[in-house]
Amino acid sequence: MLLVVGQIGKPHGIRGEVSVVVRTDEPEARFTAGSVFITEVPRDRRVSTGPAGAAALGVPFEVPQQLTLESIRWHQGRGIAVFEGIPDRNVAEAMRGVYLKVDSAGMAAPADPDEFHDHQLVGLRVVSADGTELGTVDRIDHAPSSDLIVLKKAGGGTALIPFVTAMVPTVDIAGGRIVVDLPEGLLDL
């Protein structure tokens, strides 16, 4: 499974440097010189994906399938990166908005048994403490106060469950389920 770990932001300077919006808990481990990222052009973003799109921007450039990180430095919570194949500001502007992905198969499991990667949780069954099937995990949203399980409810619709021990006492990856103990009415919000 491919996971988004960053997104190329605006150009920085004239020599092809770009800002990188980080979407991983371990940026220093993920963004090291020599790291290879699989690229994805977002559907809602106008990015050159071939000669026709590049010509419209006046840039003879095509978004490569992979990018190799040459160097990165950190500034105000964002990376300022140099990638192979992005030689100047024009090409850097054409790359703006491109997602940087890695294959989850190459990721080590977290050392803490109470810590999980998002992709490990997506698709797991969610059941109440009494065994009632509530639905499946659609995704994990990372909010400032706590992470949220986005539940695709069995009866249709979605609900948000705070990912805190009091409400999510058991995560059983091997068993394919998450046991929740929710206050009355939480799923009706």
N, C-alpha and C. Protein backbone atom coordinates (compact mmCIF):
# COMPACT_ATOMS: atom_id res chain seq x y z
N MET A 1 0.83 -1.17 0.00
CA MET A 1 0.00 0.00 0.00
C MET A 1 0.89 1.24 0.00
N LEU A 2 0.52 2.21 -0.85
CA LEU A 2 1.28 3.45 -0.92
C LEU A 2 0.72 4.46 0.07
N LEU A 3 1.62 5.10 0.82
CA LEU A 3 1.23 6.07 1.83
C LEU A 3 1.81 7.43 1.49
N VAL A 4 1.00 8.47 1.62
CA VAL A 4 1.47 9.85 1.39
C VAL A 4 2.27 10.29 2.61
N VAL A 5 3.52 10.68 2.39
CA VAL A 5 4.36 11.16 3.49
C VAL A 5 4.70 12.64 3.34
N GLY A 6 4.33 13.23 2.20
CA GLY A 6 4.59 14.64 1.99
C GLY A 6 3.95 15.14 0.72
N GLN A 7 4.00 16.46 0.56
CA GLN A 7 3.47 17.09 -0.65
C GLN A 7 4.38 18.26 -1.00
N ILE A 8 4.71 18.37 -2.28
CA ILE A 8 5.57 19.45 -2.73
C ILE A 8 4.79 20.75 -2.67
N GLY A 9 5.40 21.75 -2.03
CA GLY A 9 4.79 23.07 -1.90
C GLY A 9 5.38 24.02 -2.91
N LYS A 10 5.44 25.27 -2.53
CA LYS A 10 5.91 26.28 -3.46
C LYS A 10 7.43 26.26 -3.61
N PRO A 11 7.90 26.79 -4.72
CA PRO A 11 9.35 26.86 -4.93
C PRO A 11 10.01 27.75 -3.89
N HIS A 12 11.28 27.48 -3.66
CA HIS A 12 12.07 28.27 -2.72
C HIS A 12 13.34 28.69 -3.45
N GLY A 13 13.42 29.93 -3.82
CA GLY A 13 14.60 30.40 -4.56
C GLY A 13 14.48 30.08 -6.04
N ILE A 14 15.63 30.16 -6.74
CA ILE A 14 15.63 29.98 -8.20
C ILE A 14 16.34 28.72 -8.66
N ARG A 15 16.87 27.93 -7.73
CA ARG A 15 17.69 26.78 -8.11
C ARG A 15 16.97 25.44 -8.01
N GLY A 16 15.64 25.44 -8.00
CA GLY A 16 14.89 24.19 -8.00
C GLY A 16 14.53 23.66 -6.62
N GLU A 17 14.85 24.41 -5.57
CA GLU A 17 14.44 23.97 -4.24
C GLU A 17 12.93 24.13 -4.10
N VAL A 18 12.33 23.21 -3.34
CA VAL A 18 10.89 23.27 -3.09
C VAL A 18 10.62 23.08 -1.61
N SER A 19 9.53 23.69 -1.14
CA SER A 19 9.12 23.40 0.23
C SER A 19 8.36 22.07 0.20
N VAL A 20 8.43 21.35 1.30
CA VAL A 20 7.73 20.07 1.41
C VAL A 20 6.84 20.12 2.64
N VAL A 21 5.55 19.90 2.44
CA VAL A 21 4.61 19.79 3.54
C VAL A 21 4.67 18.35 4.02
N VAL A 22 5.13 18.15 5.24
CA VAL A 22 5.37 16.80 5.77
C VAL A 22 4.08 16.21 6.30
N ARG A 23 3.83 14.94 5.98
CA ARG A 23 2.64 14.22 6.44
C ARG A 23 3.05 12.88 7.06
N THR A 24 4.05 12.94 7.91
CA THR A 24 4.52 11.74 8.60
C THR A 24 4.98 12.14 10.00
N ASP A 25 4.90 11.19 10.93
CA ASP A 25 5.35 11.44 12.29
C ASP A 25 6.87 11.40 12.42
N GLU A 26 7.54 10.85 11.44
CA GLU A 26 9.00 10.67 11.49
C GLU A 26 9.68 11.32 10.30
N PRO A 27 9.61 12.66 10.19
CA PRO A 27 10.18 13.30 9.00
C PRO A 27 11.67 13.12 8.86
N GLU A 28 12.41 13.12 9.98
CA GLU A 28 13.87 12.99 9.89
C GLU A 28 14.27 11.60 9.39
N ALA A 29 13.46 10.58 9.68
CA ALA A 29 13.76 9.23 9.21
C ALA A 29 13.31 9.03 7.77
N ARG A 30 12.19 9.62 7.40
CA ARG A 30 11.61 9.42 6.08
C ARG A 30 12.30 10.26 5.01
N PHE A 31 12.68 11.50 5.37
CA PHE A 31 13.28 12.42 4.41
C PHE A 31 14.78 12.53 4.65
N THR A 32 15.52 11.59 4.08
CA THR A 32 16.98 11.60 4.15
C THR A 32 17.52 11.58 2.73
N ALA A 33 18.72 12.09 2.56
CA ALA A 33 19.34 12.10 1.23
C ALA A 33 19.35 10.68 0.67
N GLY A 34 18.93 10.55 -0.58
CA GLY A 34 18.88 9.26 -1.24
C GLY A 34 17.52 8.59 -1.17
N SER A 35 16.59 9.11 -0.35
CA SER A 35 15.25 8.53 -0.26
C SER A 35 14.55 8.68 -1.61
N VAL A 36 13.82 7.62 -2.00
CA VAL A 36 13.09 7.62 -3.26
C VAL A 36 11.60 7.65 -2.95
N PHE A 37 10.88 8.57 -3.60
CA PHE A 37 9.45 8.73 -3.41
C PHE A 37 8.72 8.47 -4.71
N ILE A 38 7.58 7.83 -4.61
CA ILE A 38 6.70 7.64 -5.76
C ILE A 38 5.82 8.88 -5.82
N THR A 39 5.64 9.44 -7.00
CA THR A 39 4.86 10.67 -7.13
C THR A 39 3.42 10.37 -7.53
N GLU A 40 2.54 11.27 -7.12
CA GLU A 40 1.14 11.21 -7.56
C GLU A 40 0.66 12.64 -7.75
N VAL A 41 0.09 12.88 -8.91
CA VAL A 41 -0.47 14.19 -9.20
C VAL A 41 -1.90 14.19 -8.66
N PRO A 42 -2.23 15.10 -7.74
CA PRO A 42 -3.59 15.13 -7.20
C PRO A 42 -4.62 15.50 -8.26
N ARG A 43 -5.80 14.93 -8.14
CA ARG A 43 -6.86 15.19 -9.13
C ARG A 43 -7.33 16.63 -9.12
N ASP A 44 -7.33 17.27 -7.95
CA ASP A 44 -7.86 18.62 -7.85
C ASP A 44 -6.81 19.71 -8.09
N ARG A 45 -5.65 19.32 -8.52
CA ARG A 45 -4.55 20.28 -8.68
C ARG A 45 -4.10 20.27 -10.13
N ARG A 46 -3.84 21.42 -10.70
CA ARG A 46 -3.35 21.48 -12.08
C ARG A 46 -1.84 21.39 -12.06
N VAL A 47 -1.35 20.22 -12.37
CA VAL A 47 0.09 19.97 -12.41
C VAL A 47 0.39 19.38 -13.78
N SER A 48 1.50 19.75 -14.36
CA SER A 48 1.88 19.22 -15.65
C SER A 48 2.11 17.71 -15.54
N THR A 49 1.39 16.94 -16.37
CA THR A 49 1.57 15.49 -16.35
C THR A 49 2.07 14.98 -17.69
N GLY A 50 2.42 15.84 -18.57
CA GLY A 50 2.91 15.40 -19.86
C GLY A 50 3.27 16.58 -20.73
N PRO A 51 3.72 16.30 -21.93
CA PRO A 51 4.16 17.36 -22.83
C PRO A 51 3.09 18.42 -23.10
N ALA A 52 1.81 18.02 -23.27
CA ALA A 52 0.76 19.01 -23.55
C ALA A 52 0.58 19.95 -22.37
N GLY A 53 0.50 19.40 -21.17
CA GLY A 53 0.36 20.23 -19.97
C GLY A 53 1.58 21.09 -19.74
N ALA A 54 2.75 20.53 -20.01
CA ALA A 54 3.99 21.27 -19.81
C ALA A 54 4.08 22.44 -20.79
N ALA A 55 3.64 22.19 -22.03
CA ALA A 55 3.70 23.25 -23.03
C ALA A 55 2.81 24.42 -22.63
N ALA A 56 1.65 24.11 -22.02
CA ALA A 56 0.74 25.16 -21.58
C ALA A 56 1.39 26.03 -20.52
N LEU A 57 2.24 25.42 -19.70
CA LEU A 57 2.94 26.19 -18.67
C LEU A 57 4.22 26.83 -19.21
N GLY A 58 4.60 26.49 -20.43
CA GLY A 58 5.83 27.01 -20.98
C GLY A 58 7.06 26.30 -20.44
N VAL A 59 6.88 25.11 -19.89
CA VAL A 59 7.97 24.36 -19.28
C VAL A 59 8.07 23.00 -19.96
N PRO A 60 9.19 22.67 -20.60
CA PRO A 60 9.33 21.35 -21.21
C PRO A 60 9.61 20.30 -20.13
N PHE A 61 8.57 19.85 -19.46
CA PHE A 61 8.76 18.99 -18.29
C PHE A 61 7.59 18.04 -18.13
N GLU A 62 7.88 16.85 -17.64
CA GLU A 62 6.85 15.87 -17.31
C GLU A 62 7.11 15.38 -15.89
N VAL A 63 6.06 15.28 -15.06
CA VAL A 63 6.23 14.82 -13.69
C VAL A 63 6.74 13.38 -13.72
N PRO A 64 7.92 13.12 -13.14
CA PRO A 64 8.46 11.76 -13.15
C PRO A 64 7.66 10.85 -12.21
N GLN A 65 7.74 9.55 -12.43
CA GLN A 65 7.04 8.59 -11.58
C GLN A 65 7.69 8.50 -10.21
N GLN A 66 8.99 8.79 -10.13
CA GLN A 66 9.71 8.74 -8.86
C GLN A 66 10.61 9.97 -8.75
N LEU A 67 10.85 10.38 -7.50
CA LEU A 67 11.79 11.45 -7.23
C LEU A 67 12.78 10.97 -6.18
N THR A 68 14.05 11.31 -6.37
CA THR A 68 15.08 10.97 -5.39
C THR A 68 15.51 12.26 -4.70
N LEU A 69 15.50 12.22 -3.38
CA LEU A 69 15.86 13.38 -2.57
C LEU A 69 17.38 13.53 -2.53
N GLU A 70 17.87 14.69 -2.96
CA GLU A 70 19.31 14.95 -2.89
C GLU A 70 19.70 15.51 -1.53
N SER A 71 18.90 16.48 -1.05
CA SER A 71 19.20 17.07 0.26
C SER A 71 17.94 17.74 0.79
N ILE A 72 17.95 17.97 2.11
CA ILE A 72 16.83 18.66 2.75
C ILE A 72 17.35 19.40 3.97
N ARG A 73 16.76 20.56 4.21
CA ARG A 73 17.03 21.28 5.45
C ARG A 73 15.69 21.70 6.01
N TRP A 74 15.63 21.87 7.31
CA TRP A 74 14.35 22.14 7.98
C TRP A 74 14.26 23.61 8.36
N HIS A 75 13.10 24.20 8.06
CA HIS A 75 12.87 25.62 8.34
C HIS A 75 11.41 25.82 8.71
N GLN A 76 11.14 26.21 9.96
CA GLN A 76 9.80 26.51 10.46
C GLN A 76 8.81 25.36 10.22
N GLY A 77 9.25 24.14 10.53
CA GLY A 77 8.38 22.98 10.44
C GLY A 77 8.20 22.41 9.04
N ARG A 78 8.84 22.99 8.06
CA ARG A 78 8.76 22.48 6.70
C ARG A 78 10.16 22.15 6.21
N GLY A 79 10.19 21.21 5.30
CA GLY A 79 11.45 20.88 4.67
C GLY A 79 11.65 21.75 3.44
N ILE A 80 12.88 22.15 3.22
CA ILE A 80 13.27 22.80 1.97
C ILE A 80 14.15 21.77 1.27
N ALA A 81 13.64 21.22 0.17
CA ALA A 81 14.26 20.04 -0.43
C ALA A 81 14.79 20.30 -1.83
N VAL A 82 15.81 19.53 -2.17
CA VAL A 82 16.37 19.48 -3.52
C VAL A 82 16.18 18.05 -4.02
N PHE A 83 15.46 17.89 -5.13
CA PHE A 83 15.24 16.59 -5.74
C PHE A 83 15.98 16.50 -7.07
N GLU A 84 16.45 15.31 -7.39
CA GLU A 84 17.05 15.09 -8.71
C GLU A 84 15.99 15.38 -9.76
N GLY A 85 16.37 16.07 -10.82
CA GLY A 85 15.45 16.33 -11.92
C GLY A 85 14.63 17.60 -11.78
N ILE A 86 14.85 18.37 -10.71
CA ILE A 86 14.18 19.66 -10.56
C ILE A 86 15.29 20.72 -10.54
N PRO A 87 15.71 21.17 -11.73
CA PRO A 87 16.89 22.03 -11.82
C PRO A 87 16.65 23.51 -11.57
N ASP A 88 15.40 24.00 -11.73
CA ASP A 88 15.18 25.44 -11.60
C ASP A 88 13.79 25.75 -11.08
N ARG A 89 13.53 27.03 -10.90
CA ARG A 89 12.25 27.48 -10.33
C ARG A 89 11.06 27.12 -11.22
N ASN A 90 11.21 27.18 -12.55
CA ASN A 90 10.10 26.85 -13.44
C ASN A 90 9.64 25.41 -13.26
N VAL A 91 10.58 24.51 -13.19
CA VAL A 91 10.23 23.10 -13.00
C VAL A 91 9.68 22.90 -11.58
N ALA A 92 10.26 23.58 -10.61
CA ALA A 92 9.76 23.49 -9.23
C ALA A 92 8.31 23.94 -9.16
N GLU A 93 7.97 25.00 -9.87
CA GLU A 93 6.57 25.48 -9.90
C GLU A 93 5.66 24.45 -10.56
N ALA A 94 6.14 23.78 -11.60
CA ALA A 94 5.34 22.74 -12.27
C ALA A 94 5.09 21.54 -11.35
N MET A 95 5.97 21.31 -10.38
CA MET A 95 5.84 20.17 -9.46
C MET A 95 4.97 20.49 -8.26
N ARG A 96 4.59 21.73 -8.11
CA ARG A 96 3.81 22.17 -6.94
C ARG A 96 2.52 21.33 -6.81
N GLY A 97 2.29 20.81 -5.61
CA GLY A 97 1.08 20.03 -5.33
C GLY A 97 1.26 18.53 -5.47
N VAL A 98 2.37 18.07 -6.03
CA VAL A 98 2.59 16.64 -6.24
C VAL A 98 2.78 15.94 -4.89
N TYR A 99 2.08 14.82 -4.71
CA TYR A 99 2.22 14.01 -3.49
C TYR A 99 3.47 13.16 -3.55
N LEU A 100 4.11 12.97 -2.41
CA LEU A 100 5.27 12.09 -2.27
C LEU A 100 4.82 10.88 -1.46
N LYS A 101 4.98 9.68 -2.04
CA LYS A 101 4.49 8.46 -1.41
C LYS A 101 5.62 7.46 -1.21
N VAL A 102 5.42 6.58 -0.21
CA VAL A 102 6.32 5.45 0.01
C VAL A 102 5.48 4.19 0.12
N ASP A 103 6.12 3.05 -0.13
CA ASP A 103 5.44 1.76 -0.01
C ASP A 103 5.44 1.33 1.45
N SER A 104 4.28 1.01 2.00
CA SER A 104 4.19 0.64 3.42
C SER A 104 4.89 -0.68 3.71
N ALA A 105 5.14 -1.50 2.70
CA ALA A 105 5.82 -2.78 2.93
C ALA A 105 7.24 -2.56 3.44
N GLY A 106 7.82 -1.42 3.13
CA GLY A 106 9.18 -1.13 3.57
C GLY A 106 9.26 -0.43 4.92
N MET A 107 8.12 -0.26 5.57
CA MET A 107 8.10 0.45 6.85
C MET A 107 8.20 -0.53 8.01
N ALA A 108 9.00 -0.19 8.97
CA ALA A 108 9.11 -1.01 10.18
C ALA A 108 7.91 -0.76 11.08
N ALA A 109 7.51 -1.80 11.80
CA ALA A 109 6.40 -1.66 12.74
C ALA A 109 6.85 -0.76 13.90
N PRO A 110 5.92 0.01 14.48
CA PRO A 110 6.29 0.85 15.62
C PRO A 110 6.79 0.02 16.79
N ALA A 111 7.75 0.54 17.54
CA ALA A 111 8.31 -0.17 18.69
C ALA A 111 7.32 -0.26 19.84
N ASP A 112 6.48 0.76 20.00
CA ASP A 112 5.48 0.79 21.06
C ASP A 112 4.28 -0.06 20.66
N PRO A 113 3.87 -1.04 21.48
CA PRO A 113 2.74 -1.90 21.12
C PRO A 113 1.40 -1.15 21.06
N ASP A 114 1.33 0.04 21.64
CA ASP A 114 0.10 0.83 21.59
C ASP A 114 0.14 1.90 20.51
N GLU A 115 1.06 1.77 19.58
CA GLU A 115 1.19 2.71 18.48
C GLU A 115 0.96 1.96 17.18
N PHE A 116 0.26 2.59 16.22
CA PHE A 116 -0.08 1.93 14.97
C PHE A 116 0.11 2.90 13.81
N HIS A 117 0.41 2.34 12.64
CA HIS A 117 0.40 3.13 11.42
C HIS A 117 -1.05 3.19 10.94
N ASP A 118 -1.43 4.31 10.35
CA ASP A 118 -2.81 4.48 9.87
C ASP A 118 -3.24 3.33 8.97
N HIS A 119 -2.37 2.92 8.05
CA HIS A 119 -2.74 1.88 7.09
C HIS A 119 -3.03 0.54 7.75
N GLN A 120 -2.52 0.31 8.97
CA GLN A 120 -2.80 -0.92 9.69
C GLN A 120 -4.23 -0.95 10.20
N LEU A 121 -4.82 0.22 10.41
CA LEU A 121 -6.15 0.32 11.01
C LEU A 121 -7.27 0.41 9.98
N VAL A 122 -6.98 0.96 8.81
CA VAL A 122 -8.01 1.12 7.79
C VAL A 122 -8.55 -0.25 7.37
N GLY A 123 -9.88 -0.36 7.42
CA GLY A 123 -10.54 -1.61 7.03
C GLY A 123 -10.86 -2.53 8.18
N LEU A 124 -10.31 -2.26 9.38
CA LEU A 124 -10.62 -3.12 10.53
C LEU A 124 -12.08 -2.97 10.93
N ARG A 125 -12.67 -4.07 11.41
CA ARG A 125 -14.04 -4.03 11.93
C ARG A 125 -14.03 -3.30 13.26
N VAL A 126 -15.06 -2.54 13.52
CA VAL A 126 -15.23 -1.85 14.80
C VAL A 126 -16.45 -2.47 15.47
N VAL A 127 -16.23 -2.97 16.70
CA VAL A 127 -17.30 -3.61 17.45
C VAL A 127 -17.40 -2.96 18.83
N SER A 128 -18.61 -2.98 19.39
CA SER A 128 -18.79 -2.45 20.75
C SER A 128 -18.30 -3.48 21.75
N ALA A 129 -18.22 -3.08 23.01
CA ALA A 129 -17.75 -3.97 24.08
C ALA A 129 -18.62 -5.21 24.20
N ASP A 130 -19.92 -5.11 23.83
CA ASP A 130 -20.81 -6.27 23.91
C ASP A 130 -20.81 -7.10 22.63
N GLY A 131 -19.96 -6.73 21.64
CA GLY A 131 -19.82 -7.51 20.41
C GLY A 131 -20.65 -7.05 19.24
N THR A 132 -21.42 -5.97 19.40
CA THR A 132 -22.24 -5.46 18.31
C THR A 132 -21.36 -4.86 17.23
N GLU A 133 -21.60 -5.28 16.00
CA GLU A 133 -20.85 -4.78 14.84
C GLU A 133 -21.28 -3.35 14.54
N LEU A 134 -20.35 -2.39 14.57
CA LEU A 134 -20.68 -0.99 14.35
C LEU A 134 -20.30 -0.50 12.95
N GLY A 135 -19.31 -1.13 12.33
CA GLY A 135 -18.86 -0.73 11.01
C GLY A 135 -17.39 -1.02 10.82
N THR A 136 -16.74 -0.26 9.93
CA THR A 136 -15.31 -0.44 9.66
C THR A 136 -14.59 0.90 9.70
N VAL A 137 -13.29 0.84 9.90
CA VAL A 137 -12.47 2.05 9.91
C VAL A 137 -12.28 2.51 8.47
N ASP A 138 -12.73 3.74 8.17
CA ASP A 138 -12.57 4.30 6.84
C ASP A 138 -11.20 4.98 6.71
N ARG A 139 -10.83 5.73 7.75
CA ARG A 139 -9.52 6.40 7.77
C ARG A 139 -9.28 6.91 9.18
N ILE A 140 -8.08 7.45 9.40
CA ILE A 140 -7.73 8.10 10.66
C ILE A 140 -7.48 9.57 10.37
N ASP A 141 -8.18 10.45 11.08
CA ASP A 141 -7.93 11.89 10.96
C ASP A 141 -7.08 12.31 12.15
N HIS A 142 -6.10 13.15 11.88
CA HIS A 142 -5.20 13.61 12.94
C HIS A 142 -5.59 15.03 13.33
N ALA A 143 -6.29 15.15 14.45
CA ALA A 143 -6.74 16.44 14.97
C ALA A 143 -5.76 16.92 16.03
N PRO A 144 -5.78 18.21 16.36
CA PRO A 144 -4.85 18.72 17.37
C PRO A 144 -4.98 18.08 18.74
N SER A 145 -6.21 17.80 19.17
CA SER A 145 -6.39 17.26 20.53
C SER A 145 -6.20 15.74 20.61
N SER A 146 -6.65 15.02 19.60
CA SER A 146 -6.46 13.57 19.55
C SER A 146 -6.73 13.09 18.14
N ASP A 147 -6.26 11.88 17.85
CA ASP A 147 -6.58 11.28 16.56
C ASP A 147 -8.03 10.85 16.59
N LEU A 148 -8.66 10.79 15.41
CA LEU A 148 -10.06 10.39 15.30
C LEU A 148 -10.20 9.22 14.35
N ILE A 149 -10.94 8.21 14.77
CA ILE A 149 -11.28 7.11 13.88
C ILE A 149 -12.51 7.57 13.09
N VAL A 150 -12.40 7.55 11.77
CA VAL A 150 -13.56 7.84 10.93
C VAL A 150 -14.21 6.50 10.65
N LEU A 151 -15.38 6.29 11.26
CA LEU A 151 -16.10 5.02 11.19
C LEU A 151 -17.09 5.05 10.04
N LYS A 152 -16.99 4.07 9.16
CA LYS A 152 -18.01 3.88 8.14
C LYS A 152 -19.05 2.98 8.78
N LYS A 153 -20.17 3.56 9.21
CA LYS A 153 -21.17 2.84 9.99
C LYS A 153 -21.83 1.73 9.16
N ALA A 154 -22.15 0.63 9.83
CA ALA A 154 -22.77 -0.52 9.17
C ALA A 154 -24.11 -0.15 8.53
N GLY A 155 -24.85 0.76 9.14
CA GLY A 155 -26.15 1.18 8.62
C GLY A 155 -26.06 2.33 7.64
N GLY A 156 -24.88 2.75 7.27
CA GLY A 156 -24.69 3.88 6.36
C GLY A 156 -24.26 5.13 7.10
N GLY A 157 -23.54 5.98 6.44
CA GLY A 157 -23.05 7.22 7.04
C GLY A 157 -21.71 7.01 7.73
N THR A 158 -21.23 8.09 8.34
CA THR A 158 -19.96 8.04 9.05
C THR A 158 -20.11 8.64 10.44
N ALA A 159 -19.16 8.33 11.30
CA ALA A 159 -19.10 8.89 12.65
C ALA A 159 -17.64 9.04 13.03
N LEU A 160 -17.37 9.95 13.95
CA LEU A 160 -16.02 10.17 14.45
C LEU A 160 -15.90 9.62 15.87
N ILE A 161 -14.84 8.84 16.10
CA ILE A 161 -14.58 8.28 17.43
C ILE A 161 -13.21 8.76 17.88
N PRO A 162 -13.13 9.49 19.00
CA PRO A 162 -11.81 9.89 19.50
C PRO A 162 -10.96 8.65 19.80
N PHE A 163 -9.74 8.64 19.28
CA PHE A 163 -8.85 7.49 19.45
C PHE A 163 -8.10 7.64 20.77
N VAL A 164 -8.83 7.47 21.87
CA VAL A 164 -8.27 7.54 23.22
C VAL A 164 -8.57 6.23 23.93
N THR A 165 -7.73 5.85 24.86
CA THR A 165 -7.84 4.56 25.54
C THR A 165 -9.20 4.36 26.21
N ALA A 166 -9.78 5.41 26.77
CA ALA A 166 -11.07 5.29 27.44
C ALA A 166 -12.17 4.83 26.48
N MET A 167 -12.08 5.22 25.20
CA MET A 167 -13.11 4.85 24.23
C MET A 167 -12.68 3.72 23.31
N VAL A 168 -11.38 3.52 23.19
CA VAL A 168 -10.85 2.47 22.32
C VAL A 168 -9.89 1.61 23.16
N PRO A 169 -10.46 0.71 23.99
CA PRO A 169 -9.61 -0.06 24.89
C PRO A 169 -8.81 -1.16 24.19
N THR A 170 -9.28 -1.67 23.05
CA THR A 170 -8.61 -2.80 22.40
C THR A 170 -8.46 -2.57 20.90
N VAL A 171 -7.22 -2.72 20.43
CA VAL A 171 -6.94 -2.73 19.00
C VAL A 171 -6.28 -4.07 18.72
N ASP A 172 -6.97 -4.92 17.97
CA ASP A 172 -6.50 -6.27 17.67
C ASP A 172 -6.24 -6.37 16.17
N ILE A 173 -5.02 -5.99 15.77
CA ILE A 173 -4.65 -6.00 14.35
C ILE A 173 -4.76 -7.42 13.79
N ALA A 174 -4.20 -8.39 14.49
CA ALA A 174 -4.21 -9.78 14.03
C ALA A 174 -5.64 -10.31 13.89
N GLY A 175 -6.52 -9.93 14.81
CA GLY A 175 -7.91 -10.37 14.77
C GLY A 175 -8.78 -9.55 13.84
N GLY A 176 -8.22 -8.44 13.32
CA GLY A 176 -8.95 -7.62 12.37
C GLY A 176 -10.08 -6.80 12.96
N ARG A 177 -9.92 -6.39 14.24
CA ARG A 177 -11.01 -5.64 14.86
C ARG A 177 -10.50 -4.63 15.89
N ILE A 178 -11.36 -3.66 16.14
CA ILE A 178 -11.14 -2.67 17.18
C ILE A 178 -12.37 -2.71 18.08
N VAL A 179 -12.14 -2.84 19.38
CA VAL A 179 -13.24 -2.84 20.34
C VAL A 179 -13.35 -1.44 20.92
N VAL A 180 -14.59 -0.90 20.92
CA VAL A 180 -14.81 0.45 21.44
C VAL A 180 -15.83 0.41 22.58
N ASP A 181 -15.69 1.33 23.50
CA ASP A 181 -16.61 1.50 24.63
C ASP A 181 -17.02 2.97 24.60
N LEU A 182 -18.14 3.24 23.92
CA LEU A 182 -18.53 4.62 23.62
C LEU A 182 -19.63 5.12 24.54
N PRO A 183 -19.61 6.42 24.81
CA PRO A 183 -20.72 7.01 25.56
C PRO A 183 -22.01 6.96 24.73
N GLU A 184 -23.11 6.92 25.41
CA GLU A 184 -24.43 6.87 24.76
C GLU A 184 -24.59 8.04 23.78
N GLY A 185 -25.01 7.72 22.56
CA GLY A 185 -25.33 8.75 21.57
C GLY A 185 -24.17 9.27 20.74
N LEU A 186 -22.94 8.84 21.00
CA LEU A 186 -21.79 9.36 20.25
C LEU A 186 -21.91 9.10 18.76
N LEU A 187 -22.40 7.91 18.40
CA LEU A 187 -22.50 7.57 16.97
C LEU A 187 -23.66 8.26 16.28
N ASP A 188 -24.53 8.93 17.05
CA ASP A 188 -25.67 9.62 16.48
C ASP A 188 -25.37 11.08 16.12
N LEU A 189 -24.19 11.56 16.50
CA LEU A 189 -23.84 12.96 16.22
C LEU A 189 -23.59 13.19 14.76
